Amino acid sequence: MAPSVLQDLRANALRDRLAAVAEETAALILPYWRSGTVARAKADLSPVTEADQRAEALILARLLPLYPEVGAVGEEMAADGGLPSSPPGDLYWLIDPLDGTRGFVEGKPGFTVNIALIHGDRTVAGVVSAPASGITWASGVDQGAPAAFRRAFGGVWEPVRVRPRPPRASAVVSHSLSAAEAQALADRYGCSDWSCEDSSLKFCQVAEGRFDAYPRTGPTSEWDTAAGQAVLEAAGGRVLAPDGGPLRYGKPGWRNGAFVALGG
């Protein structure tokens, strides 16, 4: 890991810098929300808006001068045909400038800004900002140990931690599931209750102890999960692939298979 990034990671300066960039990006995005923004279809038929594109450009404009030794992979690079076929080095940013674009266009509040730092095949730092609620979650350190935090935009950081698994555990799942699918998935992980949420907020809700599991069966892109995984792991949780190991990065096509995010 490049020394400047390593030093900032250990000192929580990276947490603060990434949060400032994510919150600035949130401020750029927010005027587009519920303003009649129109999406166009990307090559994979997922939606993209001007807000997505401007947000990614802003994130790159802020991060690359700060850490010129760190490469970057962003969702909108894929839309523009500029996505690399392999990781741009051992250390790189993985960026989803507007996760939950479909709900964003529909006027729903559960969209996020996501910035993660990948080292090798692991996510080692991340921030998730929710423009509609004005809340940011971040990984960091506390007395030298991994820790997770949340704050109102520009405010004071407060620690968050996964909760011990209660007798009546609950899951959070994607809105794309039917009620029967959601119940079956919750049952698989021993959860008697379930709720739906958009975007990477699901990772953050497990990280702060509101839910105990976030299972996913369908494919996602790596930029959808990296920042949320960093926050959850820093909060004491886990994100596991079907082989039982942690969800890893730099896979072919930047695609994830099934995974489950777990709290305590």
C-alpha atoms as a PDB file:
ATOM      1  CA  MET A   1       0.000   0.000   0.000  1.00  0.00           C
ATOM      2  CA  ALA A   2       1.389   3.416  -0.908  1.00  0.00           C
ATOM      3  CA  PRO A   3       2.815   5.183   2.175  1.00  0.00           C
ATOM      4  CA  SER A   4       0.645   8.300   2.017  1.00  0.00           C
ATOM      5  CA  VAL A   5      -2.548   6.274   1.849  1.00  0.00           C
ATOM      6  CA  LEU A   6      -1.330   3.917   4.569  1.00  0.00           C
ATOM      7  CA  GLN A   7      -0.482   6.823   6.856  1.00  0.00           C
ATOM      8  CA  ASP A   8      -3.834   8.480   6.250  1.00  0.00           C
ATOM      9  CA  LEU A   9      -5.670   5.193   6.797  1.00  0.00           C
ATOM     10  CA  ARG A  10      -4.002   4.674  10.182  1.00  0.00           C
ATOM     11  CA  ALA A  11      -4.613   8.255  11.280  1.00  0.00           C
ATOM     12  CA  ASN A  12      -8.292   8.401  10.179  1.00  0.00           C
ATOM     13  CA  ALA A  13      -7.317  11.162   7.767  1.00  0.00           C
ATOM     14  CA  LEU A  14      -8.426   8.911   4.905  1.00  0.00           C
ATOM     15  CA  ARG A  15     -11.834   8.445   6.551  1.00  0.00           C
ATOM     16  CA  ASP A  16     -12.256  12.203   6.834  1.00  0.00           C
ATOM     17  CA  ARG A  17     -11.039  12.940   3.328  1.00  0.00           C
ATOM     18  CA  LEU A  18     -13.232  10.304   1.703  1.00  0.00           C
ATOM     19  CA  ALA A  19     -16.240  11.477   3.703  1.00  0.00           C
ATOM     20  CA  ALA A  20     -15.670  15.074   2.604  1.00  0.00           C
ATOM     21  CA  VAL A  21     -15.519  13.989  -1.052  1.00  0.00           C
ATOM     22  CA  ALA A  22     -18.619  11.803  -0.705  1.00  0.00           C
ATOM     23  CA  GLU A  23     -20.592  14.571   1.000  1.00  0.00           C
ATOM     24  CA  GLU A  24     -19.553  17.113  -1.632  1.00  0.00           C
ATOM     25  CA  THR A  25     -20.732  14.624  -4.249  1.00  0.00           C
ATOM     26  CA  ALA A  26     -24.010  14.189  -2.381  1.00  0.00           C
ATOM     27  CA  ALA A  27     -24.544  17.954  -2.543  1.00  0.00           C
ATOM     28  CA  LEU A  28     -23.998  17.832  -6.314  1.00  0.00           C
ATOM     29  CA  ILE A  29     -26.494  14.978  -6.725  1.00  0.00           C
ATOM     30  CA  LEU A  30     -29.292  16.224  -4.490  1.00  0.00           C
ATOM     31  CA  PRO A  31     -30.674  18.970  -6.803  1.00  0.00           C
ATOM     32  CA  TYR A  32     -31.305  16.295  -9.466  1.00  0.00           C
ATOM     33  CA  TRP A  33     -33.471  14.257  -7.086  1.00  0.00           C
ATOM     34  CA  ARG A  34     -37.220  14.640  -7.636  1.00  0.00           C
ATOM     35  CA  SER A  35     -36.524  17.181 -10.366  1.00  0.00           C
ATOM     36  CA  GLY A  36     -37.753  15.199 -13.365  1.00  0.00           C
ATOM     37  CA  THR A  37     -34.327  13.696 -14.074  1.00  0.00           C
ATOM     38  CA  VAL A  38     -34.463  11.297 -17.019  1.00  0.00           C
ATOM     39  CA  ALA A  39     -32.330   8.164 -17.231  1.00  0.00           C
ATOM     40  CA  ARG A  40     -30.955   6.510 -20.327  1.00  0.00           C
ATOM     41  CA  ALA A  41     -30.061   2.836 -20.605  1.00  0.00           C
ATOM     42  CA  LYS A  42     -26.459   1.705 -20.482  1.00  0.00           C
ATOM     43  CA  ALA A  43     -25.187  -1.269 -22.453  1.00  0.00           C
ATOM     44  CA  ASP A  44     -26.253  -3.630 -19.653  1.00  0.00           C
ATOM     45  CA  LEU A  45     -29.701  -1.955 -19.654  1.00  0.00           C
ATOM     46  CA  SER A  46     -29.187  -0.451 -16.188  1.00  0.00           C
ATOM     47  CA  PRO A  47     -30.112   3.245 -15.909  1.00  0.00           C
ATOM     48  CA  VAL A  48     -27.694   6.172 -15.852  1.00  0.00           C
ATOM     49  CA  THR A  49     -28.339   9.900 -15.454  1.00  0.00           C
ATOM     50  CA  GLU A  50     -26.380  13.122 -15.740  1.00  0.00           C
ATOM     51  CA  ALA A  51     -26.128  13.045 -11.950  1.00  0.00           C
ATOM     52  CA  ASP A  52     -24.277   9.689 -12.053  1.00  0.00           C
ATOM     53  CA  GLN A  53     -21.790  10.973 -14.596  1.00  0.00           C
ATOM     54  CA  ARG A  54     -21.118  14.322 -12.945  1.00  0.00           C
ATOM     55  CA  ALA A  55     -20.787  12.655  -9.558  1.00  0.00           C
ATOM     56  CA  GLU A  56     -18.122  10.225 -10.734  1.00  0.00           C
ATOM     57  CA  ALA A  57     -16.218  13.015 -12.471  1.00  0.00           C
ATOM     58  CA  LEU A  58     -16.195  15.029  -9.241  1.00  0.00           C
ATOM     59  CA  ILE A  59     -14.982  12.085  -7.147  1.00  0.00           C
ATOM     60  CA  LEU A  60     -12.123  11.388  -9.551  1.00  0.00           C
ATOM     61  CA  ALA A  61     -11.208  15.081  -9.718  1.00  0.00           C
ATOM     62  CA  ARG A  62     -10.876  15.159  -5.927  1.00  0.00           C
ATOM     63  CA  LEU A  63      -9.169  11.815  -5.285  1.00  0.00           C
ATOM     64  CA  LEU A  64      -6.611  11.515  -8.068  1.00  0.00           C
ATOM     65  CA  PRO A  65      -4.656  14.669  -7.135  1.00  0.00           C
ATOM     66  CA  LEU A  66      -4.722  13.661  -3.446  1.00  0.00           C
ATOM     67  CA  TYR A  67      -3.365  10.171  -4.112  1.00  0.00           C
ATOM     68  CA  PRO A  68      -1.872  10.091  -7.615  1.00  0.00           C
ATOM     69  CA  GLU A  69      -0.359   6.650  -6.966  1.00  0.00           C
ATOM     70  CA  VAL A  70      -3.818   5.072  -6.581  1.00  0.00           C
ATOM     71  CA  GLY A  71      -5.735   3.915  -9.667  1.00  0.00           C
ATOM     72  CA  ALA A  72      -9.510   4.010 -10.047  1.00  0.00           C
ATOM     73  CA  VAL A  73     -12.385   1.898 -11.329  1.00  0.00           C
ATOM     74  CA  GLY A  74     -15.808   3.516 -11.483  1.00  0.00           C
ATOM     75  CA  GLU A  75     -19.265   2.428 -12.549  1.00  0.00           C
ATOM     76  CA  GLU A  76     -19.579   5.140 -15.183  1.00  0.00           C
ATOM     77  CA  MET A  77     -16.296   4.066 -16.741  1.00  0.00           C
ATOM     78  CA  ALA A  78     -18.196   0.920 -17.717  1.00  0.00           C
ATOM     79  CA  ALA A  79     -20.930   3.006 -19.320  1.00  0.00           C
ATOM     80  CA  ASP A  80     -18.343   4.901 -21.353  1.00  0.00           C
ATOM     81  CA  GLY A  81     -16.466   1.800 -22.439  1.00  0.00           C
ATOM     82  CA  GLY A  82     -13.421   2.702 -20.371  1.00  0.00           C
ATOM     83  CA  LEU A  83     -13.582  -0.051 -17.757  1.00  0.00           C
ATOM     84  CA  PRO A  84     -10.233  -1.882 -17.422  1.00  0.00           C
ATOM     85  CA  SER A  85     -10.262  -5.651 -17.884  1.00  0.00           C
ATOM     86  CA  SER A  86      -8.091  -6.137 -14.794  1.00  0.00           C
ATOM     87  CA  PRO A  87      -7.281  -4.104 -11.660  1.00  0.00           C
ATOM     88  CA  PRO A  88      -5.185  -0.981 -12.312  1.00  0.00           C
ATOM     89  CA  GLY A  89      -2.495  -2.048  -9.867  1.00  0.00           C
ATOM     90  CA  ASP A  90      -2.481  -3.481  -6.373  1.00  0.00           C
ATOM     91  CA  LEU A  91      -4.172  -0.410  -4.931  1.00  0.00           C
ATOM     92  CA  TYR A  92      -7.175   1.330  -6.451  1.00  0.00           C
ATOM     93  CA  TRP A  93     -10.452   3.113  -5.775  1.00  0.00           C
ATOM     94  CA  LEU A  94     -13.708   1.337  -6.521  1.00  0.00           C
ATOM     95  CA  ILE A  95     -16.439   3.944  -7.020  1.00  0.00           C
ATOM     96  CA  ASP A  96     -20.197   3.867  -7.356  1.00  0.00           C
ATOM     97  CA  PRO A  97     -21.118   7.550  -7.568  1.00  0.00           C
ATOM     98  CA  LEU A  98     -24.871   6.971  -7.346  1.00  0.00           C
ATOM     99  CA  ASP A  99     -25.960   3.551  -6.153  1.00  0.00           C
ATOM    100  CA  GLY A 100     -29.691   3.028  -6.565  1.00  0.00           C
ATOM    101  CA  THR A 101     -30.177   5.056  -9.745  1.00  0.00           C
ATOM    102  CA  ARG A 102     -33.491   3.399 -10.579  1.00  0.00           C
ATOM    103  CA  GLY A 103     -35.021   4.400  -7.240  1.00  0.00           C
ATOM    104  CA  PHE A 104     -33.380   7.836  -7.505  1.00  0.00           C
ATOM    105  CA  VAL A 105     -35.173   8.481 -10.798  1.00  0.00           C
ATOM    106  CA  GLU A 106     -38.435   7.317  -9.206  1.00  0.00           C
ATOM    107  CA  GLY A 107     -37.986   9.808  -6.363  1.00  0.00           C
ATOM    108  CA  LYS A 108     -37.149   7.247  -3.669  1.00  0.00           C
ATOM    109  CA  PRO A 109     -34.683   8.291  -0.928  1.00  0.00           C
ATOM    110  CA  GLY A 110     -32.475   5.196  -0.662  1.00  0.00           C
ATOM    111  CA  PHE A 111     -29.620   6.158  -3.000  1.00  0.00           C
ATOM    112  CA  THR A 112     -25.986   6.489  -1.944  1.00  0.00           C
ATOM    113  CA  VAL A 113     -22.499   7.664  -2.886  1.00  0.00           C
ATOM    114  CA  ASN A 114     -19.878   4.918  -2.470  1.00  0.00           C
ATOM    115  CA  ILE A 115     -16.087   5.151  -2.420  1.00  0.00           C
ATOM    116  CA  ALA A 116     -13.882   2.187  -1.451  1.00  0.00           C
ATOM    117  CA  LEU A 117     -10.152   1.562  -1.377  1.00  0.00           C
ATOM    118  CA  ILE A 118      -9.095  -1.879  -2.620  1.00  0.00           C
ATOM    119  CA  HIS A 119      -5.718  -3.399  -1.709  1.00  0.00           C
ATOM    120  CA  GLY A 120      -5.008  -6.598  -3.585  1.00  0.00           C
ATOM    121  CA  ASP A 121      -8.354  -8.396  -3.566  1.00  0.00           C
ATOM    122  CA  ARG A 122      -9.703  -6.935  -0.299  1.00  0.00           C
ATOM    123  CA  THR A 123     -11.637  -3.783   0.483  1.00  0.00           C
ATOM    124  CA  VAL A 124      -9.693  -1.925   3.197  1.00  0.00           C
ATOM    125  CA  ALA A 125     -11.529   1.399   3.518  1.00  0.00           C
ATOM    126  CA  GLY A 126     -14.882   2.803   2.484  1.00  0.00           C
ATOM    127  CA  VAL A 127     -17.459   5.518   2.899  1.00  0.00           C
ATOM    128  CA  VAL A 128     -21.171   5.456   2.092  1.00  0.00           C
ATOM    129  CA  SER A 129     -23.095   8.745   2.013  1.00  0.00           C
ATOM    130  CA  ALA A 130     -26.884   9.003   1.766  1.00  0.00           C
ATOM    131  CA  PRO A 131     -27.763  12.380   0.191  1.00  0.00           C
ATOM    132  CA  ALA A 132     -31.480  12.276   1.038  1.00  0.00           C
ATOM    133  CA  SER A 133     -30.920  11.730   4.772  1.00  0.00           C
ATOM    134  CA  GLY A 134     -27.620  13.583   5.095  1.00  0.00           C
ATOM    135  CA  ILE A 135     -25.844  10.654   6.799  1.00  0.00           C
ATOM    136  CA  THR A 136     -22.398   9.213   6.085  1.00  0.00           C
ATOM    137  CA  TRP A 137     -21.000   5.876   7.290  1.00  0.00           C
ATOM    138  CA  ALA A 138     -17.280   5.172   7.162  1.00  0.00           C
ATOM    139  CA  SER A 139     -14.652   2.657   8.117  1.00  0.00           C
ATOM    140  CA  GLY A 140     -11.711   3.855  10.175  1.00  0.00           C
ATOM    141  CA  VAL A 141      -9.687   3.053  13.259  1.00  0.00           C
ATOM    142  CA  ASP A 142     -10.121   3.533  16.993  1.00  0.00           C
ATOM    143  CA  GLN A 143      -7.030   3.107  19.172  1.00  0.00           C
ATOM    144  CA  GLY A 144      -5.344   1.244  16.357  1.00  0.00           C
ATOM    145  CA  ALA A 145      -8.168  -1.249  15.764  1.00  0.00           C
ATOM    146  CA  PRO A 146     -10.689  -1.281  12.884  1.00  0.00           C
ATOM    147  CA  ALA A 147     -13.855   0.658  13.695  1.00  0.00           C
ATOM    148  CA  ALA A 148     -16.911   2.027  11.915  1.00  0.00           C
ATOM    149  CA  PHE A 149     -18.536   5.416  12.319  1.00  0.00           C
ATOM    150  CA  ARG A 150     -21.481   7.511  11.201  1.00  0.00           C
ATOM    151  CA  ARG A 151     -22.181  11.217  11.172  1.00  0.00           C
ATOM    152  CA  ALA A 152     -24.599  13.799   9.900  1.00  0.00           C
ATOM    153  CA  PHE A 153     -22.951  15.568   6.966  1.00  0.00           C
ATOM    154  CA  GLY A 154     -20.044  17.631   8.269  1.00  0.00           C
ATOM    155  CA  GLY A 155     -20.809  16.644  11.866  1.00  0.00           C
ATOM    156  CA  VAL A 156     -19.082  14.703  14.627  1.00  0.00           C
ATOM    157  CA  TRP A 157     -18.346  11.018  14.108  1.00  0.00           C
ATOM    158  CA  GLU A 158     -20.122   8.494  16.331  1.00  0.00           C
ATOM    159  CA  PRO A 159     -19.037   4.835  16.537  1.00  0.00           C
ATOM    160  CA  VAL A 160     -21.331   2.099  15.198  1.00  0.00           C
ATOM    161  CA  ARG A 161     -21.136  -1.626  15.846  1.00  0.00           C
ATOM    162  CA  VAL A 162     -23.010  -4.730  14.796  1.00  0.00           C
ATOM    163  CA  ARG A 163     -25.327  -6.072  17.463  1.00  0.00           C
ATOM    164  CA  PRO A 164     -25.083  -9.515  19.056  1.00  0.00           C
ATOM    165  CA  ARG A 165     -27.436 -11.801  17.189  1.00  0.00           C
ATOM    166  CA  PRO A 166     -30.789 -11.736  19.015  1.00  0.00           C
ATOM    167  CA  PRO A 167     -33.090 -14.740  19.453  1.00  0.00           C
ATOM    168  CA  ARG A 168     -35.401 -13.221  16.850  1.00  0.00           C
ATOM    169  CA  ALA A 169     -32.995 -12.156  14.106  1.00  0.00           C
ATOM    170  CA  SER A 170     -34.029  -9.961  11.191  1.00  0.00           C
ATOM    171  CA  ALA A 171     -32.804  -9.591   7.621  1.00  0.00           C
ATOM    172  CA  VAL A 172     -32.744  -6.713   5.159  1.00  0.00           C
ATOM    173  CA  VAL A 173     -33.121  -7.611   1.481  1.00  0.00           C
ATOM    174  CA  SER A 174     -33.412  -6.019  -1.929  1.00  0.00           C
ATOM    175  CA  HIS A 175     -36.656  -4.410  -3.088  1.00  0.00           C
ATOM    176  CA  SER A 176     -36.372  -6.483  -6.252  1.00  0.00           C
ATOM    177  CA  LEU A 177     -37.427  -9.650  -4.392  1.00  0.00           C
ATOM    178  CA  SER A 178     -40.991 -10.858  -4.109  1.00  0.00           C
ATOM    179  CA  ALA A 179     -42.373 -11.391  -0.609  1.00  0.00           C
ATOM    180  CA  ALA A 180     -42.048 -15.160  -1.008  1.00  0.00           C
ATOM    181  CA  GLU A 181     -38.437 -14.867  -2.214  1.00  0.00           C
ATOM    182  CA  ALA A 182     -37.556 -12.511   0.631  1.00  0.00           C
ATOM    183  CA  GLN A 183     -39.058 -14.820   3.252  1.00  0.00           C
ATOM    184  CA  ALA A 184     -37.270 -17.863   1.827  1.00  0.00           C
ATOM    185  CA  LEU A 185     -33.962 -16.008   1.835  1.00  0.00           C
ATOM    186  CA  ALA A 186     -34.470 -14.766   5.399  1.00  0.00           C
ATOM    187  CA  ASP A 187     -35.363 -18.286   6.526  1.00  0.00           C
ATOM    188  CA  ARG A 188     -32.165 -19.638   4.999  1.00  0.00           C
ATOM    189  CA  TYR A 189     -30.134 -17.479   7.384  1.00  0.00           C
ATOM    190  CA  GLY A 190     -32.269 -18.027  10.456  1.00  0.00           C
ATOM    191  CA  CYS A 191     -34.094 -14.685  10.326  1.00  0.00           C
ATOM    192  CA  SER A 192     -37.749 -14.636  11.304  1.00  0.00           C
ATOM    193  CA  ASP A 193     -38.368 -11.089  10.046  1.00  0.00           C
ATOM    194  CA  TRP A 194     -37.268  -9.170   6.974  1.00  0.00           C
ATOM    195  CA  SER A 195     -37.489  -5.662   5.505  1.00  0.00           C
ATOM    196  CA  CYS A 196     -36.564  -4.159   2.138  1.00  0.00           C
ATOM    197  CA  GLU A 197     -34.068  -1.387   1.439  1.00  0.00           C
ATOM    198  CA  ASP A 198     -32.305   0.083  -1.580  1.00  0.00           C
ATOM    199  CA  SER A 199     -28.614   0.345  -2.445  1.00  0.00           C
ATOM    200  CA  SER A 200     -25.648  -0.072  -0.098  1.00  0.00           C
ATOM    201  CA  LEU A 201     -27.734   1.212   2.810  1.00  0.00           C
ATOM    202  CA  LYS A 202     -28.357  -2.453   3.607  1.00  0.00           C
ATOM    203  CA  PHE A 203     -24.704  -2.946   4.613  1.00  0.00           C
ATOM    204  CA  CYS A 204     -24.822   0.163   6.792  1.00  0.00           C
ATOM    205  CA  GLN A 205     -28.010  -0.928   8.533  1.00  0.00           C
ATOM    206  CA  VAL A 206     -26.402  -4.241   9.475  1.00  0.00           C
ATOM    207  CA  ALA A 207     -23.258  -2.357  10.555  1.00  0.00           C
ATOM    208  CA  GLU A 208     -25.187  -0.160  12.977  1.00  0.00           C
ATOM    209  CA  GLY A 209     -27.181  -3.048  14.438  1.00  0.00           C
ATOM    210  CA  ARG A 210     -30.591  -2.467  12.892  1.00  0.00           C
ATOM    211  CA  PHE A 211     -30.526  -5.848  11.129  1.00  0.00           C
ATOM    212  CA  ASP A 212     -28.574  -9.079  11.452  1.00  0.00           C
ATOM    213  CA  ALA A 213     -28.171 -10.251   7.848  1.00  0.00           C
ATOM    214  CA  TYR A 214     -28.284  -9.035   4.272  1.00  0.00           C
ATOM    215  CA  PRO A 215     -28.387 -12.048   1.921  1.00  0.00           C
ATOM    216  CA  ARG A 216     -28.090 -11.635  -1.836  1.00  0.00           C
ATOM    217  CA  THR A 217     -28.573 -14.242  -4.552  1.00  0.00           C
ATOM    218  CA  GLY A 218     -28.522 -12.208  -7.748  1.00  0.00           C
ATOM    219  CA  PRO A 219     -25.422 -10.714  -9.378  1.00  0.00           C
ATOM    220  CA  THR A 220     -24.068  -7.311  -8.403  1.00  0.00           C
ATOM    221  CA  SER A 221     -21.104  -5.278  -9.569  1.00  0.00           C
ATOM    222  CA  GLU A 222     -18.102  -4.945  -7.306  1.00  0.00           C
ATOM    223  CA  TRP A 223     -18.575  -1.187  -6.937  1.00  0.00           C
ATOM    224  CA  ASP A 224     -22.051  -1.905  -5.506  1.00  0.00           C
ATOM    225  CA  THR A 225     -20.588  -3.718  -2.496  1.00  0.00           C
ATOM    226  CA  ALA A 226     -17.019  -2.604  -1.776  1.00  0.00           C
ATOM    227  CA  ALA A 227     -17.667   0.513   0.341  1.00  0.00           C
ATOM    228  CA  GLY A 228     -20.509  -1.089   2.283  1.00  0.00           C
ATOM    229  CA  GLN A 229     -18.423  -4.182   2.938  1.00  0.00           C
ATOM    230  CA  ALA A 230     -15.582  -2.037   4.305  1.00  0.00           C
ATOM    231  CA  VAL A 231     -17.966  -0.299   6.704  1.00  0.00           C
ATOM    232  CA  LEU A 232     -19.584  -3.543   7.848  1.00  0.00           C
ATOM    233  CA  GLU A 233     -16.297  -5.373   8.396  1.00  0.00           C
ATOM    234  CA  ALA A 234     -14.959  -2.406  10.389  1.00  0.00           C
ATOM    235  CA  ALA A 235     -18.117  -2.602  12.518  1.00  0.00           C
ATOM    236  CA  GLY A 236     -17.417  -6.252  13.370  1.00  0.00           C
ATOM    237  CA  GLY A 237     -19.454  -7.921  10.633  1.00  0.00           C
ATOM    238  CA  ARG A 238     -18.628 -10.189   7.711  1.00  0.00           C
ATOM    239  CA  VAL A 239     -19.464 -10.418   4.010  1.00  0.00           C
ATOM    240  CA  LEU A 240     -19.125 -14.003   2.852  1.00  0.00           C
ATOM    241  CA  ALA A 241     -19.031 -15.611  -0.587  1.00  0.00           C
ATOM    242  CA  PRO A 242     -20.544 -19.091  -1.133  1.00  0.00           C
ATOM    243  CA  ASP A 243     -17.176 -20.724  -0.304  1.00  0.00           C
ATOM    244  CA  GLY A 244     -17.333 -19.238   3.198  1.00  0.00           C
ATOM    245  CA  GLY A 245     -14.481 -16.813   2.598  1.00  0.00           C
ATOM    246  CA  PRO A 246     -14.765 -13.025   2.441  1.00  0.00           C
ATOM    247  CA  LEU A 247     -16.152 -11.435  -0.699  1.00  0.00           C
ATOM    248  CA  ARG A 248     -13.096 -10.469  -2.767  1.00  0.00           C
ATOM    249  CA  TYR A 249     -12.398  -7.977  -5.553  1.00  0.00           C
ATOM    250  CA  GLY A 250     -10.826  -7.738  -8.975  1.00  0.00           C
ATOM    251  CA  LYS A 251     -12.874 -10.653 -10.337  1.00  0.00           C
ATOM    252  CA  PRO A 252     -13.525 -11.119 -14.064  1.00  0.00           C
ATOM    253  CA  GLY A 253     -15.999  -8.560 -15.343  1.00  0.00           C
ATOM    254  CA  TRP A 254     -16.042  -6.857 -11.934  1.00  0.00           C
ATOM    255  CA  ARG A 255     -19.017  -9.048 -10.994  1.00  0.00           C
ATOM    256  CA  ASN A 256     -20.080 -10.609  -7.697  1.00  0.00           C
ATOM    257  CA  GLY A 257     -22.058 -13.794  -7.315  1.00  0.00           C
ATOM    258  CA  ALA A 258     -24.159 -14.646  -4.287  1.00  0.00           C
ATOM    259  CA  PHE A 259     -23.064 -13.414  -0.857  1.00  0.00           C
ATOM    260  CA  VAL A 260     -24.391 -12.829   2.634  1.00  0.00           C
ATOM    261  CA  ALA A 261     -23.532  -9.889   4.880  1.00  0.00           C
ATOM    262  CA  LEU A 262     -23.735 -10.809   8.566  1.00  0.00           C
ATOM    263  CA  GLY A 263     -23.673  -8.882  11.816  1.00  0.00           C
ATOM    264  CA  GLY A 264     -22.772 -10.365  15.204  1.00  0.00           C
END
